[in-house]
């Protein structure tokens, strides 16, 4: 079954056939040459009838072809994986002594692969594929399909919302239907040569930290089922803050109690996941209810006016920076919370780290003696009782004495 003029797919194996009949009236030497078509690869040893492949061309030589005799030769090629709307064209040359012919040319169109791209929703003209994106940023995805199949097609496009993002409600254009994390567009009659473009928006999750946001769509256009190219957007890794007892920098005490005069060690860890070299500046304000331990900031940290600054001029993509410093808890703390977080700027981003928390104990309140009338009522009552009893005793003694 001939497929001349029919669409072919990436990876498909094609067989070409050249047929010659000698009608010259005499015996002929016949030479057939066929150059492998563009966008294909020759299938090794597929040329029959002793065809010789060299430098992209196959040659068959038949020394004595009788008048009326037919010669038929074949070979195979594989369509390249990266074809994208190109036409695969092929014709052969035949020389039979008296004549030199070009055969008819076969034609096979290939589908145009649909394209996927990603933009900041505020600038839909500049692709940000491969660029870093931030928490809370709104992205617009675009899928473009062109029908190069040679006939009208029903086209169905599906795109699953990428991980680490949230779909922006009602953002799918062209009647895209969102359900269960996936958008579907259905176009019933897309003419040959017509282009279909659809878009939707997502918002990057607030808690992203170093994840890659990946997205590709699926397009079905009748005979073809394509996955588009995949877009990639890295996200920055949020820097991390932690606190330790200065005598043990392995066991975190974040959230635990500390006492006056305790020495604390703070650690800030930053990893560059922006995809490029960055200048990184880390700043940390000494927490309230503590005082800085002189000279404790490592890695060139500079202490001034209650704040430490570290500057790293060239931090390679994937490199981790860790800095530390120490403080001493004030002796007179009394139930206060010791809170600390740092700021990190890496060129592309400015972050606040997580906040560490340490509670301090409440001091016991001293006993306060009670004063005033109410406090001494019992004492008055006792004294009154004693005095009344004493008077009664004196009266009895007096009466007894009088009788005598």
Protein backbone atom coordinates (compact mmCIF):
# COMPACT_ATOMS: atom_id res chain seq x y z
CA UNK A 1 0.00 0.00 0.00
CA UNK A 2 1.62 3.19 -1.19
CA UNK A 3 1.83 6.02 1.33
CA UNK A 4 3.04 8.64 -1.16
CA UNK A 5 1.65 12.04 -0.04
CA UNK A 6 0.53 10.61 3.32
CA UNK A 7 1.78 11.98 6.61
CA UNK A 8 4.57 10.06 8.35
CA UNK A 9 5.78 10.20 11.96
CA UNK A 10 9.04 10.59 13.77
CA UNK A 11 10.71 7.18 14.10
CA UNK A 12 8.62 5.60 11.36
CA UNK A 13 10.47 3.24 8.97
CA UNK A 14 9.84 3.83 5.27
CA UNK A 15 10.61 1.55 2.32
CA UNK A 16 11.38 3.16 -1.03
CA UNK A 17 10.97 1.25 -4.28
CA UNK A 18 12.34 2.19 -7.74
CA UNK A 19 11.01 0.32 -10.76
CA UNK A 20 12.63 0.47 -14.23
CA UNK A 21 11.57 -1.32 -17.44
CA UNK A 22 13.87 -1.55 -20.46
CA UNK A 23 11.88 -0.54 -23.51
CA UNK A 24 14.87 0.60 -25.60
CA UNK A 25 14.77 -2.38 -27.93
CA UNK A 26 18.17 -3.69 -26.85
CA UNK A 27 20.19 -4.94 -23.89
CA UNK A 28 21.23 -2.10 -21.56
CA UNK A 29 23.57 -1.46 -18.67
CA UNK A 30 21.40 0.24 -16.06
CA UNK A 31 22.66 2.34 -13.16
CA UNK A 32 20.21 3.52 -10.48
CA UNK A 33 21.20 6.11 -7.86
CA UNK A 34 19.12 7.33 -4.95
CA UNK A 35 20.18 9.89 -2.31
CA UNK A 36 18.79 9.32 1.18
CA UNK A 37 16.09 11.96 1.79
CA UNK A 38 16.62 14.73 4.29
CA UNK A 39 15.19 14.20 7.79
CA UNK A 40 15.78 10.47 7.59
CA UNK A 41 18.53 7.95 8.42
CA UNK A 42 19.51 5.01 6.21
CA UNK A 43 18.67 1.60 7.69
CA UNK A 44 21.95 -0.32 7.53
CA UNK A 45 22.16 -3.08 4.88
CA UNK A 46 18.58 -2.50 3.76
CA UNK A 47 19.43 -1.88 0.07
CA UNK A 48 18.55 -5.09 -1.83
CA UNK A 49 19.92 -6.40 -5.13
CA UNK A 50 23.53 -5.56 -4.19
CA UNK A 51 22.89 -1.87 -3.75
CA UNK A 52 25.98 -0.11 -2.37
CA UNK A 53 25.52 2.65 0.22
CA UNK A 54 28.19 5.36 0.40
CA UNK A 55 28.18 9.00 1.52
CA UNK A 56 24.40 9.21 1.79
CA UNK A 57 23.68 7.65 -1.61
CA UNK A 58 22.83 4.12 -2.81
CA UNK A 59 23.96 2.81 -6.21
CA UNK A 60 22.72 -0.27 -8.06
CA UNK A 61 24.46 -1.43 -11.23
CA UNK A 62 22.88 -3.98 -13.58
CA UNK A 63 25.25 -4.90 -16.44
CA UNK A 64 22.83 -6.60 -18.85
CA UNK A 65 19.17 -5.78 -18.70
CA UNK A 66 17.34 -7.41 -21.62
CA UNK A 67 14.85 -5.49 -23.69
CA UNK A 68 11.45 -5.75 -21.95
CA UNK A 69 13.02 -6.74 -18.64
CA UNK A 70 11.95 -4.96 -15.41
CA UNK A 71 14.35 -4.10 -12.59
CA UNK A 72 13.05 -3.32 -9.11
CA UNK A 73 15.21 -2.17 -6.19
CA UNK A 74 14.33 -1.11 -2.62
CA UNK A 75 15.87 0.37 0.51
CA UNK A 76 14.72 1.60 3.91
CA UNK A 77 15.09 4.76 5.97
CA UNK A 78 13.95 5.81 9.43
CA UNK A 79 12.29 9.20 9.92
CA UNK A 80 14.34 11.37 12.30
CA UNK A 81 12.98 11.86 15.80
CA UNK A 82 13.20 15.64 15.59
CA UNK A 83 11.08 16.14 12.45
CA UNK A 84 8.71 19.03 12.88
CA UNK A 85 6.53 19.86 9.91
CA UNK A 86 9.22 19.12 7.30
CA UNK A 87 8.33 17.32 4.08
CA UNK A 88 10.28 14.18 3.25
CA UNK A 89 10.98 14.24 -0.47
CA UNK A 90 12.70 11.59 -2.59
CA UNK A 91 13.45 10.83 -6.22
CA UNK A 92 16.01 8.59 -7.94
CA UNK A 93 18.17 8.85 -11.06
CA UNK A 94 18.26 6.08 -13.65
CA UNK A 95 20.75 5.85 -16.54
CA UNK A 96 20.21 3.08 -19.14
CA UNK A 97 22.84 3.86 -21.74
CA UNK A 98 20.54 5.73 -24.05
CA UNK A 99 18.74 7.82 -21.43
CA UNK A 100 19.09 9.46 -18.05
CA UNK A 101 15.90 9.85 -16.07
CA UNK A 102 14.75 11.47 -12.85
CA UNK A 103 11.93 9.47 -11.36
CA UNK A 104 8.80 11.10 -10.01
CA UNK A 105 9.26 12.64 -6.55
CA UNK A 106 7.54 11.10 -3.54
CA UNK A 107 6.32 13.41 -0.81
CA UNK A 108 5.51 12.70 2.83
CA UNK A 109 4.55 15.53 5.19
CA UNK A 110 5.34 15.29 8.88
CA UNK A 111 3.35 16.82 11.70
CA UNK A 112 4.46 20.03 13.33
CA UNK A 113 5.17 19.25 16.97
CA UNK A 114 3.16 21.41 19.30
CA UNK A 115 5.23 23.85 21.35
CA UNK A 116 5.04 24.65 25.05
CA UNK A 117 6.32 27.91 26.53
CA UNK A 118 6.10 29.76 29.84
CA UNK A 119 5.93 33.48 30.64
CA UNK A 120 5.52 35.79 33.59
CA UNK A 121 1.83 36.69 33.45
CA UNK A 122 2.78 40.39 33.41
CA UNK A 123 4.98 39.98 30.29
CA UNK A 124 3.61 37.48 27.78
CA UNK A 125 6.17 38.34 25.10
CA UNK A 126 9.35 37.21 26.87
CA UNK A 127 9.82 33.49 27.49
CA UNK A 128 11.13 32.57 30.95
CA UNK A 129 11.68 28.89 30.16
CA UNK A 130 14.78 27.85 32.14
CA UNK A 131 14.66 30.95 34.36
CA UNK A 132 14.16 30.94 38.11
CA UNK A 133 10.71 31.83 39.45
CA UNK A 134 9.62 32.96 42.92
CA UNK A 135 7.03 31.96 45.49
CA UNK A 136 3.74 33.69 44.70
CA UNK A 137 4.73 34.50 41.10
CA UNK A 138 1.98 34.08 38.49
CA UNK A 139 3.01 32.14 35.38
CA UNK A 140 1.27 31.92 32.01
CA UNK A 141 1.66 28.71 29.96
CA UNK A 142 1.09 28.68 26.20
CA UNK A 143 0.62 25.65 23.91
CA UNK A 144 0.85 26.20 20.14
CA UNK A 145 -0.24 23.57 17.59
CA UNK A 146 -0.16 23.82 13.79
CA UNK A 147 -1.99 21.35 11.58
CA UNK A 148 0.41 20.18 8.86
CA UNK A 149 -1.24 16.80 8.30
CA UNK A 150 -2.73 17.79 4.95
CA UNK A 151 -6.34 17.46 6.11
CA UNK A 152 -8.88 18.75 8.63
CA UNK A 153 -8.31 17.38 12.12
CA UNK A 154 -10.04 17.15 15.48
CA UNK A 155 -7.47 18.34 18.00
CA UNK A 156 -7.52 17.61 21.74
CA UNK A 157 -5.00 19.35 24.01
CA UNK A 158 -4.53 18.30 27.65
CA UNK A 159 -2.26 19.91 30.22
CA UNK A 160 -1.84 18.87 33.86
CA UNK A 161 -1.16 21.69 36.31
CA UNK A 162 2.51 21.47 37.37
CA UNK A 163 3.47 20.46 40.89
CA UNK A 164 4.24 23.28 43.36
CA UNK A 165 1.67 25.57 41.70
CA UNK A 166 -2.05 26.36 42.00
CA UNK A 167 -4.36 26.88 39.03
CA UNK A 168 -5.64 30.45 38.64
CA UNK A 169 -9.41 30.08 38.49
CA UNK A 170 -11.02 30.59 35.05
CA UNK A 171 -7.65 31.43 33.44
CA UNK A 172 -7.84 28.74 30.70
CA UNK A 173 -8.82 30.53 27.47
CA UNK A 174 -10.53 29.15 24.34
CA UNK A 175 -13.10 27.18 26.37
CA UNK A 176 -10.52 25.11 28.21
CA UNK A 177 -12.18 22.97 30.89
CA UNK A 178 -10.39 22.52 34.25
CA UNK A 179 -11.11 19.35 36.21
CA UNK A 180 -9.11 17.32 38.75
CA UNK A 181 -5.87 19.21 38.14
CA UNK A 182 -5.99 19.01 34.32
CA UNK A 183 -7.18 21.37 31.56
CA UNK A 184 -8.70 20.03 28.32
CA UNK A 185 -9.28 21.95 25.08
CA UNK A 186 -11.22 20.31 22.20
CA UNK A 187 -11.18 21.79 18.68
CA UNK A 188 -13.46 19.88 16.28
CA UNK A 189 -12.43 21.13 12.81
CA UNK A 190 -8.89 22.45 12.53
CA UNK A 191 -8.06 23.09 8.87
CA UNK A 192 -4.78 22.04 7.26
CA UNK A 193 -2.30 24.84 7.90
CA UNK A 194 -4.36 26.33 10.76
CA UNK A 195 -2.68 27.19 14.08
CA UNK A 196 -4.31 26.71 17.47
CA UNK A 197 -2.96 28.54 20.56
CA UNK A 198 -4.23 28.04 24.11
CA UNK A 199 -3.10 29.48 27.46
CA UNK A 200 -3.68 29.20 31.20
CA UNK A 201 -2.19 30.58 34.41
CA UNK A 202 -0.84 29.17 37.66
CA UNK A 203 0.52 30.69 40.86
CA UNK A 204 3.76 29.37 42.36
CA UNK A 205 3.20 27.97 45.87
CA UNK A 206 4.41 30.07 48.80
CA UNK A 207 6.41 27.22 50.35
CA UNK A 208 8.58 26.35 47.33
CA UNK A 209 12.20 25.79 48.25
CA UNK A 210 14.52 24.54 45.53
CA UNK A 211 11.93 22.52 43.58
CA UNK A 212 11.80 22.63 39.78
CA UNK A 213 8.47 23.53 38.20
CA UNK A 214 8.09 21.30 35.13
CA UNK A 215 5.29 21.28 32.58
CA UNK A 216 4.44 19.67 29.26
CA UNK A 217 1.18 19.17 27.40
CA UNK A 218 -0.28 16.33 25.35
CA UNK A 219 -1.81 16.93 21.90
CA UNK A 220 -3.82 14.45 19.84
CA UNK A 221 -4.65 15.42 16.24
CA UNK A 222 -6.24 12.29 14.82
CA UNK A 223 -3.37 10.03 13.82
CA UNK A 224 -0.76 11.63 16.05
CA UNK A 225 -0.27 11.73 19.78
CA UNK A 226 2.40 14.20 20.86
CA UNK A 227 3.97 15.26 24.10
CA UNK A 228 5.20 18.83 23.80
CA UNK A 229 8.63 19.94 24.90
CA UNK A 230 8.94 20.31 28.70
CA UNK A 231 9.35 23.74 30.27
CA UNK A 232 11.53 24.07 33.37
CA UNK A 233 11.63 26.76 36.03
CA UNK A 234 13.85 26.32 39.10
CA UNK A 235 12.89 27.93 42.40
CA UNK A 236 15.27 29.28 45.02
CA UNK A 237 16.07 27.27 48.14
CA UNK A 238 14.96 29.26 51.16
CA UNK A 239 17.77 29.90 53.66
CA UNK A 240 17.40 28.17 57.03
CA UNK A 241 17.99 29.63 60.52
CA UNK A 242 18.76 27.48 63.58
CA UNK A 243 19.94 27.98 67.17
CA UNK A 244 22.18 25.83 69.38
CA UNK A 245 23.84 25.86 72.75
CA UNK A 246 27.33 27.16 71.97
CA UNK A 247 28.83 23.99 73.45
CA UNK A 248 26.85 21.71 71.09
CA UNK A 249 26.33 22.91 67.51
CA UNK A 250 24.69 19.63 66.44
CA UNK A 251 21.54 19.61 68.57
CA UNK A 252 19.00 22.32 67.75
CA UNK A 253 17.38 24.08 70.71
CA UNK A 254 14.85 26.01 68.62
CA UNK A 255 11.64 26.23 70.66
CA UNK A 256 13.35 25.23 73.91
CA UNK A 257 13.97 27.19 77.10
CA UNK A 258 17.17 29.07 77.87
CA UNK A 259 18.40 30.89 80.98
CA UNK A 260 20.17 34.09 81.79
CA UNK A 261 23.90 33.97 80.97
CA UNK A 262 23.45 31.02 78.53
CA UNK A 263 25.58 31.34 75.39
CA UNK A 264 23.72 30.63 72.14
CA UNK A 265 25.09 29.91 68.67
CA UNK A 266 23.01 30.96 65.64
CA UNK A 267 23.52 29.34 62.22
CA UNK A 268 22.26 30.53 58.81
CA UNK A 269 22.45 28.12 55.84
CA UNK A 270 21.92 29.25 52.24
CA UNK A 271 22.12 27.14 49.06
CA UNK A 272 22.30 28.71 45.60
CA UNK A 273 19.73 27.01 43.36
CA UNK A 274 19.18 29.96 41.03
CA UNK A 275 20.97 28.29 38.11
CA UNK A 276 23.78 30.86 38.02
CA UNK A 277 26.55 32.38 40.11
CA UNK A 278 25.31 34.92 42.66
CA UNK A 279 26.56 37.62 45.02
CA UNK A 280 25.04 36.78 48.40
CA UNK A 281 24.56 39.18 51.32
CA UNK A 282 23.38 37.87 54.71
CA UNK A 283 22.29 40.21 57.52
CA UNK A 284 21.29 39.28 61.07
CA UNK A 285 20.20 41.67 63.86
CA UNK A 286 21.26 40.56 67.35
CA UNK A 287 18.10 39.42 69.19
CA UNK A 288 16.67 41.42 72.08
CA UNK A 289 17.57 40.30 75.62
CA UNK A 290 21.02 39.16 74.45
CA UNK A 291 24.41 40.72 73.77
CA UNK A 292 26.80 39.85 70.95
CA UNK A 293 29.86 37.74 71.83
CA UNK A 294 32.70 39.84 70.50
CA UNK A 295 34.50 38.31 67.48
CA UNK A 296 32.15 35.30 67.23
CA UNK A 297 30.86 35.98 63.68
CA UNK A 298 32.71 33.56 61.36
CA UNK A 299 33.38 33.70 57.59
CA UNK A 300 34.24 37.39 57.56
CA UNK A 301 31.03 38.55 59.24
CA UNK A 302 31.18 42.24 60.25
CA UNK A 303 29.39 43.40 63.43
CA UNK A 304 28.13 46.99 63.56
CA UNK A 305 25.29 48.73 65.42
CA UNK A 306 23.73 45.50 66.60
CA UNK A 307 23.78 43.79 63.19
CA UNK A 308 26.14 41.31 61.50
CA UNK A 309 26.71 41.36 57.72
CA UNK A 310 28.34 38.67 55.61
CA UNK A 311 29.10 39.34 51.91
CA UNK A 312 30.01 36.53 49.49
CA UNK A 313 30.90 37.90 46.07
CA UNK A 314 30.77 34.70 44.00
CA UNK A 315 28.61 31.80 45.12
CA UNK A 316 28.43 29.13 42.41
CA UNK A 317 25.15 27.50 41.40
CA UNK A 318 24.63 24.56 43.78
CA UNK A 319 27.09 25.91 46.37
CA UNK A 320 26.08 26.13 50.05
CA UNK A 321 27.08 28.98 52.38
CA UNK A 322 26.91 28.57 56.18
CA UNK A 323 27.60 31.36 58.69
CA UNK A 324 27.41 31.48 62.49
CA UNK A 325 27.67 33.87 65.46
CA UNK A 326 27.17 33.79 69.23
CA UNK A 327 25.21 35.78 71.79
CA UNK A 328 24.92 35.66 75.57
CA UNK A 329 21.47 35.79 77.19
CA UNK A 330 21.04 38.74 79.56
CA UNK A 331 21.24 37.78 83.24
CA UNK A 332 18.01 39.59 84.13
CA UNK A 333 15.69 37.88 81.63
CA UNK A 334 12.27 37.18 83.07
CA UNK A 335 9.90 35.23 80.81
CA UNK A 336 10.84 37.07 77.58
CA UNK A 337 10.98 35.30 74.21
CA UNK A 338 14.30 35.44 72.38
CA UNK A 339 13.43 35.67 68.68
CA UNK A 340 15.79 35.76 65.71
CA UNK A 341 15.64 35.63 61.91
CA UNK A 342 18.07 36.69 59.18
CA UNK A 343 17.76 38.36 55.79
CA UNK A 344 19.44 36.90 52.70
CA UNK A 345 19.74 38.62 49.30
CA UNK A 346 21.14 36.61 46.38
CA UNK A 347 20.70 38.91 43.41
CA UNK A 348 17.50 37.29 42.21
CA UNK A 349 15.76 37.06 45.59
CA UNK A 350 15.48 38.60 49.03
CA UNK A 351 14.45 36.20 51.80
CA UNK A 352 13.56 36.31 55.46
CA UNK A 353 14.64 33.05 57.07
CA UNK A 354 12.40 31.15 59.45
CA UNK A 355 12.29 32.67 62.96
CA UNK A 356 13.87 30.83 65.88
CA UNK A 357 12.25 31.08 69.34
CA UNK A 358 13.62 30.48 72.83
CA UNK A 359 11.66 31.06 76.04
CA UNK A 360 13.22 32.27 79.29
CA UNK A 361 11.87 31.32 82.76
CA UNK A 362 9.76 33.61 84.93
CA UNK A 363 11.38 34.65 88.21
CA UNK A 364 9.43 33.74 91.37
CA UNK A 365 7.66 36.75 92.96
CA UNK A 366 8.75 37.66 96.57
CA UNK A 367 6.13 37.26 99.41
CA UNK A 368 4.49 40.59 100.35
CA UNK A 369 3.25 40.98 104.03
CA UNK A 370 -0.42 41.88 104.39
CA UNK A 371 -1.30 45.27 106.02
CA UNK A 372 -4.46 47.21 107.02
CA UNK A 373 -7.52 46.68 109.21
CA UNK A 374 -8.77 43.60 107.43
CA UNK A 375 -5.44 41.86 107.79
CA UNK A 376 -5.37 42.47 111.60
CA UNK A 377 -9.00 41.66 112.44
CA UNK A 378 -8.10 38.22 113.75
CA UNK A 379 -5.39 39.73 115.94
CA UNK A 380 -7.84 42.26 117.37
CA UNK A 381 -10.35 39.50 118.05
CA UNK A 382 -7.76 37.43 119.92
CA UNK A 383 -6.61 40.37 122.02
CA UNK A 384 -10.19 41.32 122.83
CA UNK A 385 -10.93 37.78 123.92
CA UNK A 386 -7.88 37.70 126.11
CA UNK A 387 -8.71 41.02 127.71
CA UNK A 388 -12.35 40.01 128.37
CA UNK A 389 -11.22 36.74 129.94
CA UNK A 390 -8.79 38.57 132.15
CA UNK A 391 -11.47 40.97 133.42
CA UNK A 392 -13.82 38.07 134.14
CA UNK A 393 -11.14 36.35 136.18
CA UNK A 394 -10.52 39.49 138.23
CA UNK A 395 -14.24 39.87 138.98
CA UNK A 396 -14.56 36.32 140.25
CA UNK A 397 -11.57 36.76 142.51
CA UNK A 398 -13.03 40.02 143.85
CA UNK A 399 -16.38 38.44 144.73
CA UNK A 400 -14.76 35.52 146.44
CA UNK A 401 -12.66 37.82 148.57
CA UNK A 402 -15.73 39.85 149.63
CA UNK A 403 -17.57 36.77 151.03
CA UNK A 404 -14.75 36.05 153.38
